[in-house]
C-alpha atoms as a PDB file:
ATOM      1  CA  UNK A   1       0.000   0.000   0.000  1.00  0.00           C
ATOM      2  CA  UNK A   2       2.331   2.774  -1.168  1.00  0.00           C
ATOM      3  CA  UNK A   3       1.734   6.190   0.344  1.00  0.00           C
ATOM      4  CA  UNK A   4       2.403   9.197  -1.871  1.00  0.00           C
ATOM      5  CA  UNK A   5       2.316  12.951  -1.674  1.00  0.00           C
ATOM      6  CA  UNK A   6       1.454  15.085  -4.655  1.00  0.00           C
ATOM      7  CA  UNK A   7       4.206  17.468  -5.615  1.00  0.00           C
ATOM      8  CA  UNK A   8       3.395  20.172  -8.171  1.00  0.00           C
ATOM      9  CA  UNK A   9       6.070  20.583 -10.820  1.00  0.00           C
ATOM     10  CA  UNK A  10       7.037  23.720 -12.670  1.00  0.00           C
ATOM     11  CA  UNK A  11       5.106  22.477 -15.714  1.00  0.00           C
ATOM     12  CA  UNK A  12       1.817  22.320 -13.844  1.00  0.00           C
ATOM     13  CA  UNK A  13       1.760  18.527 -13.720  1.00  0.00           C
ATOM     14  CA  UNK A  14       1.908  16.632 -10.474  1.00  0.00           C
ATOM     15  CA  UNK A  15       4.585  14.198  -9.431  1.00  0.00           C
ATOM     16  CA  UNK A  16       3.797  11.449  -6.924  1.00  0.00           C
ATOM     17  CA  UNK A  17       6.532  11.046  -4.325  1.00  0.00           C
ATOM     18  CA  UNK A  18       6.508   7.816  -2.306  1.00  0.00           C
ATOM     19  CA  UNK A  19       6.540   8.272   1.473  1.00  0.00           C
ATOM     20  CA  UNK A  20       6.751   4.615   2.507  1.00  0.00           C
ATOM     21  CA  UNK A  21      10.154   5.058   4.144  1.00  0.00           C
ATOM     22  CA  UNK A  22       9.003   8.188   5.980  1.00  0.00           C
ATOM     23  CA  UNK A  23       6.105   6.348   7.636  1.00  0.00           C
ATOM     24  CA  UNK A  24       8.284   3.326   8.400  1.00  0.00           C
ATOM     25  CA  UNK A  25      10.691   5.759  10.053  1.00  0.00           C
ATOM     26  CA  UNK A  26       7.834   7.104  12.185  1.00  0.00           C
ATOM     27  CA  UNK A  27       7.033   3.530  13.224  1.00  0.00           C
ATOM     28  CA  UNK A  28      10.667   2.940  14.153  1.00  0.00           C
ATOM     29  CA  UNK A  29      10.850   6.219  16.080  1.00  0.00           C
ATOM     30  CA  UNK A  30       7.768   5.151  18.054  1.00  0.00           C
ATOM     31  CA  UNK A  31       9.397   1.844  18.911  1.00  0.00           C
ATOM     32  CA  UNK A  32       6.813  -0.237  17.048  1.00  0.00           C
ATOM     33  CA  UNK A  33       7.496  -3.839  16.109  1.00  0.00           C
ATOM     34  CA  UNK A  34       8.673  -3.256  12.533  1.00  0.00           C
ATOM     35  CA  UNK A  35       7.940  -6.813  11.412  1.00  0.00           C
ATOM     36  CA  UNK A  36       4.319  -6.388  12.537  1.00  0.00           C
ATOM     37  CA  UNK A  37       4.226  -2.893  10.982  1.00  0.00           C
ATOM     38  CA  UNK A  38       5.520  -4.233   7.650  1.00  0.00           C
ATOM     39  CA  UNK A  39       3.022  -7.095   7.693  1.00  0.00           C
ATOM     40  CA  UNK A  40       0.088  -4.746   8.369  1.00  0.00           C
ATOM     41  CA  UNK A  41       1.352  -2.147   5.890  1.00  0.00           C
ATOM     42  CA  UNK A  42       1.690  -4.698   3.094  1.00  0.00           C
ATOM     43  CA  UNK A  43      -1.552  -6.563   3.879  1.00  0.00           C
ATOM     44  CA  UNK A  44      -4.101  -5.952   1.084  1.00  0.00           C
ATOM     45  CA  UNK A  45      -6.764  -5.749   3.800  1.00  0.00           C
ATOM     46  CA  UNK A  46      -5.128  -2.572   5.106  1.00  0.00           C
ATOM     47  CA  UNK A  47      -5.427  -0.908   1.709  1.00  0.00           C
ATOM     48  CA  UNK A  48      -9.069  -2.027   1.512  1.00  0.00           C
ATOM     49  CA  UNK A  49      -9.846  -0.488   4.931  1.00  0.00           C
ATOM     50  CA  UNK A  50      -8.126   2.769   3.965  1.00  0.00           C
ATOM     51  CA  UNK A  51     -10.057   2.858   0.672  1.00  0.00           C
ATOM     52  CA  UNK A  52     -13.345   2.228   2.504  1.00  0.00           C
ATOM     53  CA  UNK A  53     -12.598   5.086   4.933  1.00  0.00           C
ATOM     54  CA  UNK A  54     -11.685   7.345   2.009  1.00  0.00           C
ATOM     55  CA  UNK A  55     -14.911   6.464   0.175  1.00  0.00           C
ATOM     56  CA  UNK A  56     -16.951   7.078   3.352  1.00  0.00           C
ATOM     57  CA  UNK A  57     -15.331  10.504   3.657  1.00  0.00           C
ATOM     58  CA  UNK A  58     -16.162  11.368   0.056  1.00  0.00           C
ATOM     59  CA  UNK A  59     -19.772  10.320   0.613  1.00  0.00           C
ATOM     60  CA  UNK A  60     -19.932  12.697   3.592  1.00  0.00           C
ATOM     61  CA  UNK A  61     -18.459  15.586   1.602  1.00  0.00           C
ATOM     62  CA  UNK A  62     -15.030  15.506   3.209  1.00  0.00           C
ATOM     63  CA  UNK A  63     -12.591  17.303   0.963  1.00  0.00           C
ATOM     64  CA  UNK A  64      -9.629  17.714   3.269  1.00  0.00           C
ATOM     65  CA  UNK A  65      -8.279  17.194   6.733  1.00  0.00           C
ATOM     66  CA  UNK A  66      -9.069  17.920   9.366  1.00  0.00           C
ATOM     67  CA  UNK A  67     -12.831  17.762   8.898  1.00  0.00           C
ATOM     68  CA  UNK A  68     -15.082  17.772  11.954  1.00  0.00           C
ATOM     69  CA  UNK A  69     -18.596  16.454  12.482  1.00  0.00           C
ATOM     70  CA  UNK A  70     -20.664  17.059  15.603  1.00  0.00           C
ATOM     71  CA  UNK A  71     -23.956  15.185  15.933  1.00  0.00           C
ATOM     72  CA  UNK A  72     -23.669  14.118  12.296  1.00  0.00           C
ATOM     73  CA  UNK A  73     -23.315  17.718  11.087  1.00  0.00           C
ATOM     74  CA  UNK A  74     -20.184  18.967   9.410  1.00  0.00           C
ATOM     75  CA  UNK A  75     -18.905  22.055  11.179  1.00  0.00           C
ATOM     76  CA  UNK A  76     -16.604  24.797   9.952  1.00  0.00           C
ATOM     77  CA  UNK A  77     -13.609  25.028  12.232  1.00  0.00           C
ATOM     78  CA  UNK A  78     -11.098  27.804  11.778  1.00  0.00           C
ATOM     79  CA  UNK A  79      -9.787  27.818  15.315  1.00  0.00           C
ATOM     80  CA  UNK A  80      -9.694  25.872  18.544  1.00  0.00           C
ATOM     81  CA  UNK A  81     -12.395  28.180  19.853  1.00  0.00           C
ATOM     82  CA  UNK A  82     -14.694  27.248  16.941  1.00  0.00           C
ATOM     83  CA  UNK A  83     -14.316  23.586  17.812  1.00  0.00           C
ATOM     84  CA  UNK A  84     -14.871  24.013  21.537  1.00  0.00           C
ATOM     85  CA  UNK A  85     -17.909  26.224  20.900  1.00  0.00           C
ATOM     86  CA  UNK A  86     -19.453  23.591  18.629  1.00  0.00           C
ATOM     87  CA  UNK A  87     -18.815  20.865  21.203  1.00  0.00           C
ATOM     88  CA  UNK A  88     -20.166  23.005  24.037  1.00  0.00           C
ATOM     89  CA  UNK A  89     -23.304  23.772  22.013  1.00  0.00           C
ATOM     90  CA  UNK A  90     -23.805  20.074  21.312  1.00  0.00           C
ATOM     91  CA  UNK A  91     -23.559  19.261  25.001  1.00  0.00           C
ATOM     92  CA  UNK A  92     -26.249  21.774  26.030  1.00  0.00           C
END
């Protein structure tokens, strides 16, 4: 399940840059069992779960991260205060 970042080029096209080693480095830095990490990372089921989450996000109108929902409603968050206000309102 290769992970890529889109990198705009000077010609207006996009180049996909693999980040597999970056994420494996994060796993190593966190002290994770790298054999287990590699097995999960390369398991086709992992890619299927990520794709399902991605598709769910598209269906909900998610177009970037972070995206917040409170009580099934998408909220606009431009600051920490926006988020806490939405949560406080939901709790009332």
